[in-house]
PDB file of N, CA and C in Angstrom:
ATOM      1  N   MET A   1      -6.769 -26.643   3.582  1.00  0.00           N
ATOM      2  CA  MET A   1      -6.783 -25.373   4.290  1.00  0.00           C
ATOM      3  C   MET A   1      -8.227 -24.895   4.391  1.00  0.00           C
ATOM      4  N   SER A   2      -8.638 -24.525   5.583  1.00  0.00           N
ATOM      5  CA  SER A   2     -10.005 -24.046   5.771  1.00  0.00           C
ATOM      6  C   SER A   2     -10.145 -22.651   5.176  1.00  0.00           C
ATOM      7  N   ASN A   3     -11.393 -22.221   5.012  1.00  0.00           N
ATOM      8  CA  ASN A   3     -11.636 -20.883   4.482  1.00  0.00           C
ATOM      9  C   ASN A   3     -11.027 -19.811   5.373  1.00  0.00           C
ATOM     10  N   SER A   4     -11.088 -20.007   6.688  1.00  0.00           N
ATOM     11  CA  SER A   4     -10.510 -19.009   7.592  1.00  0.00           C
ATOM     12  C   SER A   4      -8.987 -18.981   7.460  1.00  0.00           C
ATOM     13  N   GLY A   5      -8.383 -20.103   7.060  1.00  0.00           N
ATOM     14  CA  GLY A   5      -6.948 -20.147   6.838  1.00  0.00           C
ATOM     15  C   GLY A   5      -6.522 -19.397   5.588  1.00  0.00           C
ATOM     16  N   LEU A   6      -7.466 -19.136   4.714  1.00  0.00           N
ATOM     17  CA  LEU A   6      -7.158 -18.390   3.501  1.00  0.00           C
ATOM     18  C   LEU A   6      -7.112 -16.882   3.727  1.00  0.00           C
ATOM     19  N   LEU A   7      -7.698 -16.419   4.807  1.00  0.00           N
ATOM     20  CA  LEU A   7      -7.784 -14.977   5.048  1.00  0.00           C
ATOM     21  C   LEU A   7      -6.417 -14.302   5.170  1.00  0.00           C
ATOM     22  N   PRO A   8      -5.495 -14.779   6.000  1.00  0.00           N
ATOM     23  CA  PRO A   8      -4.201 -14.094   6.092  1.00  0.00           C
ATOM     24  C   PRO A   8      -3.451 -14.009   4.758  1.00  0.00           C
ATOM     25  N   PRO A   9      -3.335 -15.116   3.987  1.00  0.00           N
ATOM     26  CA  PRO A   9      -2.637 -14.978   2.700  1.00  0.00           C
ATOM     27  C   PRO A   9      -3.353 -14.032   1.735  1.00  0.00           C
ATOM     28  N   LEU A  10      -4.671 -14.042   1.779  1.00  0.00           N
ATOM     29  CA  LEU A  10      -5.437 -13.130   0.930  1.00  0.00           C
ATOM     30  C   LEU A  10      -5.133 -11.682   1.295  1.00  0.00           C
ATOM     31  N   LEU A  11      -5.176 -11.371   2.583  1.00  0.00           N
ATOM     32  CA  LEU A  11      -4.883 -10.006   3.026  1.00  0.00           C
ATOM     33  C   LEU A  11      -3.447  -9.616   2.688  1.00  0.00           C
ATOM     34  N   PHE A  12      -2.523 -10.573   2.793  1.00  0.00           N
ATOM     35  CA  PHE A  12      -1.130 -10.308   2.447  1.00  0.00           C
ATOM     36  C   PHE A  12      -1.007  -9.924   0.970  1.00  0.00           C
ATOM     37  N   LYS A  13      -1.676 -10.664   0.107  1.00  0.00           N
ATOM     38  CA  LYS A  13      -1.632 -10.381  -1.331  1.00  0.00           C
ATOM     39  C   LYS A  13      -2.307  -9.045  -1.653  1.00  0.00           C
ATOM     40  N   ILE A  14      -3.408  -8.758  -0.991  1.00  0.00           N
ATOM     41  CA  ILE A  14      -4.069  -7.469  -1.196  1.00  0.00           C
ATOM     42  C   ILE A  14      -3.142  -6.339  -0.778  1.00  0.00           C
ATOM     43  N   ASN A  15      -2.443  -6.513   0.334  1.00  0.00           N
ATOM     44  CA  ASN A  15      -1.493  -5.495   0.790  1.00  0.00           C
ATOM     45  C   ASN A  15      -0.349  -5.337  -0.210  1.00  0.00           C
ATOM     46  N   GLU A  16       0.159  -6.440  -0.751  1.00  0.00           N
ATOM     47  CA  GLU A  16       1.209  -6.352  -1.773  1.00  0.00           C
ATOM     48  C   GLU A  16       0.726  -5.557  -2.979  1.00  0.00           C
ATOM     49  N   ASN A  17      -0.501  -5.828  -3.401  1.00  0.00           N
ATOM     50  CA  ASN A  17      -1.073  -5.095  -4.531  1.00  0.00           C
ATOM     51  C   ASN A  17      -1.191  -3.607  -4.214  1.00  0.00           C
ATOM     52  N   LEU A  18      -1.604  -3.297  -3.011  1.00  0.00           N
ATOM     53  CA  LEU A  18      -1.741  -1.903  -2.594  1.00  0.00           C
ATOM     54  C   LEU A  18      -0.392  -1.190  -2.631  1.00  0.00           C
ATOM     55  N   LEU A  19       0.648  -1.852  -2.146  1.00  0.00           N
ATOM     56  CA  LEU A  19       1.983  -1.254  -2.157  1.00  0.00           C
ATOM     57  C   LEU A  19       2.496  -1.071  -3.583  1.00  0.00           C
ATOM     58  N   ALA A  20       2.190  -2.017  -4.462  1.00  0.00           N
ATOM     59  CA  ALA A  20       2.594  -1.888  -5.864  1.00  0.00           C
ATOM     60  C   ALA A  20       1.873  -0.714  -6.529  1.00  0.00           C
ATOM     61  N   LEU A  21       0.598  -0.564  -6.237  1.00  0.00           N
ATOM     62  CA  LEU A  21      -0.151   0.573  -6.777  1.00  0.00           C
ATOM     63  C   LEU A  21       0.379   1.894  -6.241  1.00  0.00           C
ATOM     64  N   GLU A  22       0.732   1.906  -4.969  1.00  0.00           N
ATOM     65  CA  GLU A  22       1.310   3.122  -4.380  1.00  0.00           C
ATOM     66  C   GLU A  22       2.588   3.501  -5.109  1.00  0.00           C
ATOM     67  N   ALA A  23       3.442   2.527  -5.370  1.00  0.00           N
ATOM     68  CA  ALA A  23       4.702   2.799  -6.065  1.00  0.00           C
ATOM     69  C   ALA A  23       4.449   3.312  -7.484  1.00  0.00           C
ATOM     70  N   ALA A  24       3.488   2.721  -8.168  1.00  0.00           N
ATOM     71  CA  ALA A  24       3.171   3.159  -9.530  1.00  0.00           C
ATOM     72  C   ALA A  24       2.622   4.581  -9.540  1.00  0.00           C
ATOM     73  N   VAL A  25       1.748   4.887  -8.602  1.00  0.00           N
ATOM     74  CA  VAL A  25       1.179   6.238  -8.531  1.00  0.00           C
ATOM     75  C   VAL A  25       2.260   7.251  -8.182  1.00  0.00           C
ATOM     76  N   MET A  26       3.187   6.868  -7.313  1.00  0.00           N
ATOM     77  CA  MET A  26       4.284   7.767  -6.966  1.00  0.00           C
ATOM     78  C   MET A  26       5.166   8.036  -8.185  1.00  0.00           C
ATOM     79  N   GLU A  27       5.458   7.001  -8.949  1.00  0.00           N
ATOM     80  CA  GLU A  27       6.234   7.190 -10.178  1.00  0.00           C
ATOM     81  C   GLU A  27       5.507   8.136 -11.133  1.00  0.00           C
ATOM     82  N   PHE A  28       4.212   7.954 -11.255  1.00  0.00           N
ATOM     83  CA  PHE A  28       3.414   8.824 -12.124  1.00  0.00           C
ATOM     84  C   PHE A  28       3.464  10.269 -11.628  1.00  0.00           C
ATOM     85  N   SER A  29       3.346  10.469 -10.333  1.00  0.00           N
ATOM     86  CA  SER A  29       3.371  11.835  -9.799  1.00  0.00           C
ATOM     87  C   SER A  29       4.747  12.467 -10.013  1.00  0.00           C
ATOM     88  N   ASN A  30       5.823  11.681  -9.893  1.00  0.00           N
ATOM     89  CA  ASN A  30       7.162  12.201 -10.180  1.00  0.00           C
ATOM     90  C   ASN A  30       7.287  12.606 -11.645  1.00  0.00           C
ATOM     91  N   TRP A  31       6.759  11.786 -12.531  1.00  0.00           N
ATOM     92  CA  TRP A  31       6.790  12.065 -13.964  1.00  0.00           C
ATOM     93  C   TRP A  31       6.029  13.356 -14.273  1.00  0.00           C
ATOM     94  N   VAL A  32       4.862  13.506 -13.670  1.00  0.00           N
ATOM     95  CA  VAL A  32       4.054  14.713 -13.889  1.00  0.00           C
ATOM     96  C   VAL A  32       4.780  15.944 -13.347  1.00  0.00           C
ATOM     97  N   GLU A  33       5.394  15.794 -12.178  1.00  0.00           N
ATOM     98  CA  GLU A  33       6.103  16.929 -11.584  1.00  0.00           C
ATOM     99  C   GLU A  33       7.265  17.379 -12.476  1.00  0.00           C
ATOM    100  N   GLN A  34       7.969  16.439 -13.080  1.00  0.00           N
ATOM    101  CA  GLN A  34       9.075  16.773 -13.968  1.00  0.00           C
ATOM    102  C   GLN A  34       8.605  17.551 -15.196  1.00  0.00           C
ATOM    103  N   ARG A  35       7.337  17.451 -15.501  1.00  0.00           N
ATOM    104  CA  ARG A  35       6.775  18.152 -16.640  1.00  0.00           C
ATOM    105  C   ARG A  35       6.051  19.432 -16.237  1.00  0.00           C
ATOM    106  N   GLY A  36       6.281  19.856 -14.990  1.00  0.00           N
ATOM    107  CA  GLY A  36       5.831  21.174 -14.585  1.00  0.00           C
ATOM    108  C   GLY A  36       4.570  21.274 -13.742  1.00  0.00           C
ATOM    109  N   SER A  37       3.996  20.176 -13.340  1.00  0.00           N
ATOM    110  CA  SER A  37       2.772  20.255 -12.540  1.00  0.00           C
ATOM    111  C   SER A  37       3.046  19.812 -11.108  1.00  0.00           C
ATOM    112  N   SER A  38       3.781  20.642 -10.405  1.00  0.00           N
ATOM    113  CA  SER A  38       4.152  20.271  -9.038  1.00  0.00           C
ATOM    114  C   SER A  38       2.954  20.281  -8.093  1.00  0.00           C
ATOM    115  N   ASP A  39       1.937  21.115  -8.364  1.00  0.00           N
ATOM    116  CA  ASP A  39       0.741  21.117  -7.511  1.00  0.00           C
ATOM    117  C   ASP A  39       0.038  19.762  -7.561  1.00  0.00           C
ATOM    118  N   PHE A  40      -0.097  19.217  -8.753  1.00  0.00           N
ATOM    119  CA  PHE A  40      -0.725  17.904  -8.905  1.00  0.00           C
ATOM    120  C   PHE A  40       0.086  16.845  -8.168  1.00  0.00           C
ATOM    121  N   ALA A  41       1.393  16.864  -8.371  1.00  0.00           N
ATOM    122  CA  ALA A  41       2.264  15.870  -7.732  1.00  0.00           C
ATOM    123  C   ALA A  41       2.181  15.976  -6.212  1.00  0.00           C
ATOM    124  N   ASP A  42       2.154  17.194  -5.689  1.00  0.00           N
ATOM    125  CA  ASP A  42       2.030  17.383  -4.239  1.00  0.00           C
ATOM    126  C   ASP A  42       0.708  16.832  -3.722  1.00  0.00           C
ATOM    127  N   ASN A  43      -0.359  17.045  -4.470  1.00  0.00           N
ATOM    128  CA  ASN A  43      -1.672  16.523  -4.062  1.00  0.00           C
ATOM    129  C   ASN A  43      -1.679  14.998  -4.038  1.00  0.00           C
ATOM    130  N   VAL A  44      -1.060  14.400  -5.031  1.00  0.00           N
ATOM    131  CA  VAL A  44      -0.987  12.929  -5.081  1.00  0.00           C
ATOM    132  C   VAL A  44      -0.182  12.405  -3.895  1.00  0.00           C
ATOM    133  N   ARG A  45       0.968  13.023  -3.648  1.00  0.00           N
ATOM    134  CA  ARG A  45       1.799  12.581  -2.521  1.00  0.00           C
ATOM    135  C   ARG A  45       1.073  12.764  -1.196  1.00  0.00           C
ATOM    136  N   GLY A  46       0.303  13.830  -1.091  1.00  0.00           N
ATOM    137  CA  GLY A  46      -0.483  14.037   0.124  1.00  0.00           C
ATOM    138  C   GLY A  46      -1.498  12.931   0.328  1.00  0.00           C
ATOM    139  N   ALA A  47      -2.136  12.512  -0.756  1.00  0.00           N
ATOM    140  CA  ALA A  47      -3.119  11.430  -0.665  1.00  0.00           C
ATOM    141  C   ALA A  47      -2.449  10.105  -0.315  1.00  0.00           C
ATOM    142  N   LEU A  48      -1.222   9.912  -0.766  1.00  0.00           N
ATOM    143  CA  LEU A  48      -0.509   8.668  -0.498  1.00  0.00           C
ATOM    144  C   LEU A  48       0.001   8.566   0.936  1.00  0.00           C
ATOM    145  N   THR A  49      -0.009   9.663   1.669  1.00  0.00           N
ATOM    146  CA  THR A  49       0.477   9.607   3.058  1.00  0.00           C
ATOM    147  C   THR A  49      -0.377   8.686   3.919  1.00  0.00           C
ATOM    148  N   ALA A  50      -1.651   8.541   3.586  1.00  0.00           N
ATOM    149  CA  ALA A  50      -2.509   7.628   4.346  1.00  0.00           C
ATOM    150  C   ALA A  50      -1.985   6.198   4.227  1.00  0.00           C
ATOM    151  N   LEU A  51      -1.510   5.831   3.053  1.00  0.00           N
ATOM    152  CA  LEU A  51      -0.949   4.491   2.882  1.00  0.00           C
ATOM    153  C   LEU A  51       0.291   4.319   3.749  1.00  0.00           C
ATOM    154  N   ASP A  52       1.129   5.323   3.772  1.00  0.00           N
ATOM    155  CA  ASP A  52       2.334   5.252   4.606  1.00  0.00           C
ATOM    156  C   ASP A  52       1.986   5.172   6.086  1.00  0.00           C
ATOM    157  N   ARG A  53       1.000   5.966   6.512  1.00  0.00           N
ATOM    158  CA  ARG A  53       0.600   5.968   7.926  1.00  0.00           C
ATOM    159  C   ARG A  53       0.104   4.606   8.368  1.00  0.00           C
ATOM    160  N   ASN A  54      -0.596   3.911   7.493  1.00  0.00           N
ATOM    161  CA  ASN A  54      -1.231   2.646   7.863  1.00  0.00           C
ATOM    162  C   ASN A  54      -0.367   1.421   7.596  1.00  0.00           C
ATOM    163  N   GLU A  55       0.717   1.573   6.867  1.00  0.00           N
ATOM    164  CA  GLU A  55       1.503   0.418   6.437  1.00  0.00           C
ATOM    165  C   GLU A  55       2.040  -0.412   7.598  1.00  0.00           C
ATOM    166  N   GLU A  56       2.596   0.217   8.611  1.00  0.00           N
ATOM    167  CA  GLU A  56       3.178  -0.540   9.721  1.00  0.00           C
ATOM    168  C   GLU A  56       2.115  -1.351  10.469  1.00  0.00           C
ATOM    169  N   PHE A  57       0.951  -0.747  10.707  1.00  0.00           N
ATOM    170  CA  PHE A  57      -0.139  -1.463  11.380  1.00  0.00           C
ATOM    171  C   PHE A  57      -0.589  -2.661  10.550  1.00  0.00           C
ATOM    172  N   ILE A  58      -0.713  -2.468   9.251  1.00  0.00           N
ATOM    173  CA  ILE A  58      -1.141  -3.560   8.371  1.00  0.00           C
ATOM    174  C   ILE A  58      -0.127  -4.695   8.414  1.00  0.00           C
ATOM    175  N   LYS A  59       1.150  -4.372   8.297  1.00  0.00           N
ATOM    176  CA  LYS A  59       2.188  -5.406   8.320  1.00  0.00           C
ATOM    177  C   LYS A  59       2.206  -6.144   9.650  1.00  0.00           C
ATOM    178  N   MET A  60       2.062  -5.426  10.748  1.00  0.00           N
ATOM    179  CA  MET A  60       2.070  -6.047  12.066  1.00  0.00           C
ATOM    180  C   MET A  60       0.866  -6.976  12.230  1.00  0.00           C
ATOM    181  N   THR A  61      -0.302  -6.511  11.807  1.00  0.00           N
ATOM    182  CA  THR A  61      -1.521  -7.319  11.928  1.00  0.00           C
ATOM    183  C   THR A  61      -1.440  -8.561  11.054  1.00  0.00           C
ATOM    184  N   LEU A  62      -0.929  -8.411   9.835  1.00  0.00           N
ATOM    185  CA  LEU A  62      -0.771  -9.572   8.963  1.00  0.00           C
ATOM    186  C   LEU A  62       0.198 -10.589   9.560  1.00  0.00           C
ATOM    187  N   ALA A  63       1.273 -10.106  10.141  1.00  0.00           N
ATOM    188  CA  ALA A  63       2.229 -11.029  10.778  1.00  0.00           C
ATOM    189  C   ALA A  63       1.564 -11.809  11.901  1.00  0.00           C
ATOM    190  N   MET A  64       0.727 -11.138  12.681  1.00  0.00           N
ATOM    191  CA  MET A  64       0.021 -11.830  13.767  1.00  0.00           C
ATOM    192  C   MET A  64      -0.967 -12.854  13.217  1.00  0.00           C
ATOM    193  N   LEU A  65      -1.678 -12.489  12.154  1.00  0.00           N
ATOM    194  CA  LEU A  65      -2.648 -13.407  11.565  1.00  0.00           C
ATOM    195  C   LEU A  65      -1.970 -14.634  10.959  1.00  0.00           C
ATOM    196  N   MET A  66      -0.767 -14.462  10.446  1.00  0.00           N
ATOM    197  CA  MET A  66      -0.084 -15.550   9.772  1.00  0.00           C
ATOM    198  C   MET A  66       0.720 -16.429  10.727  1.00  0.00           C
ATOM    199  N   THR A  67       0.833 -16.023  11.982  1.00  0.00           N
ATOM    200  CA  THR A  67       1.542 -16.818  12.975  1.00  0.00           C
ATOM    201  C   THR A  67       0.628 -17.946  13.454  1.00  0.00           C
ATOM    202  N   PRO A  68       1.109 -19.188  13.410  1.00  0.00           N
ATOM    203  CA  PRO A  68       0.264 -20.288  13.884  1.00  0.00           C
ATOM    204  C   PRO A  68      -0.053 -20.119  15.376  1.00  0.00           C
ATOM    205  N   ASP A  69      -1.223 -20.582  15.755  1.00  0.00           N
ATOM    206  CA  ASP A  69      -1.648 -20.486  17.164  1.00  0.00           C
ATOM    207  C   ASP A  69      -0.814 -21.349  18.073  1.00  0.00           C
TER     208      ASP A  69
END
Protein backbone atom coordinates (compact mmCIF):
# COMPACT_ATOMS: atom_id res chain seq x y z
CA MET A 1 0.00 0.00 0.00
CA SER A 2 1.41 3.38 -0.96
CA ASN A 3 1.67 6.22 1.53
CA SER A 4 -1.24 7.98 -0.15
CA GLY A 5 -3.28 4.79 0.30
CA LEU A 6 -2.76 5.06 4.03
CA LEU A 7 -4.45 8.46 4.28
CA PRO A 8 -8.11 7.35 4.16
CA PRO A 9 -7.73 4.62 6.84
CA LEU A 10 -5.73 7.02 8.99
CA LEU A 11 -8.42 9.70 8.74
CA PHE A 12 -11.08 7.06 9.47
CA LYS A 13 -9.28 6.02 12.67
CA ILE A 14 -8.77 9.63 13.72
CA ASN A 15 -12.50 10.23 13.21
CA GLU A 16 -13.33 7.14 15.29
CA ASN A 17 -11.11 8.47 18.07
CA LEU A 18 -12.80 11.86 17.87
CA LEU A 19 -16.25 10.28 18.17
CA ALA A 20 -15.11 8.20 21.15
CA LEU A 21 -13.76 11.30 22.86
CA GLU A 22 -17.01 13.13 22.16
CA ALA A 23 -18.97 10.31 23.80
CA ALA A 24 -16.67 10.30 26.84
CA VAL A 25 -16.91 14.07 27.26
CA MET A 26 -20.69 13.89 26.95
CA GLU A 27 -20.82 11.22 29.66
CA PHE A 28 -18.64 13.42 31.86
CA SER A 29 -20.89 16.44 31.30
CA ASN A 30 -23.96 14.34 32.18
CA TRP A 31 -22.24 13.17 35.37
CA VAL A 32 -21.34 16.75 36.31
CA GLU A 33 -24.87 17.95 35.59
CA GLN A 34 -26.32 15.27 37.88
CA ARG A 35 -24.18 16.72 40.64
CA GLY A 36 -25.61 20.19 40.23
CA SER A 37 -23.45 22.02 37.70
CA SER A 38 -25.82 22.41 34.81
CA ASP A 39 -24.04 25.56 33.55
CA PHE A 40 -20.83 23.60 33.06
CA ALA A 41 -22.67 20.75 31.35
CA ASP A 42 -24.46 23.19 29.02
CA ASN A 43 -21.15 24.80 28.08
CA VAL A 44 -19.61 21.42 27.29
CA ARG A 45 -22.60 20.39 25.18
CA GLY A 46 -22.42 23.71 23.36
CA ALA A 47 -18.77 23.09 22.52
CA LEU A 48 -19.60 19.58 21.29
CA THR A 49 -22.12 20.90 18.76
CA ALA A 50 -19.24 21.65 16.38
CA LEU A 51 -18.46 17.94 16.29
CA ASP A 52 -22.08 17.14 15.49
CA ARG A 53 -22.22 19.82 12.78
CA ASN A 54 -19.14 18.45 11.04
CA GLU A 55 -19.75 14.72 11.47
CA GLU A 56 -21.82 14.15 8.32
CA PHE A 57 -19.31 16.00 6.10
CA ILE A 58 -16.43 14.03 7.59
CA LYS A 59 -18.19 10.69 7.08
CA MET A 60 -19.14 11.57 3.50
CA THR A 61 -15.60 12.71 2.64
CA LEU A 62 -14.06 9.61 4.20
CA ALA A 63 -16.42 7.39 2.22
CA MET A 64 -15.34 9.13 -0.99
CA LEU A 65 -11.65 8.80 -0.11
CA MET A 66 -12.04 5.11 0.67
CA THR A 67 -13.88 4.31 -2.57
CA PRO A 68 -11.52 2.83 -5.17
CA ASP A 69 -11.08 4.94 -8.30
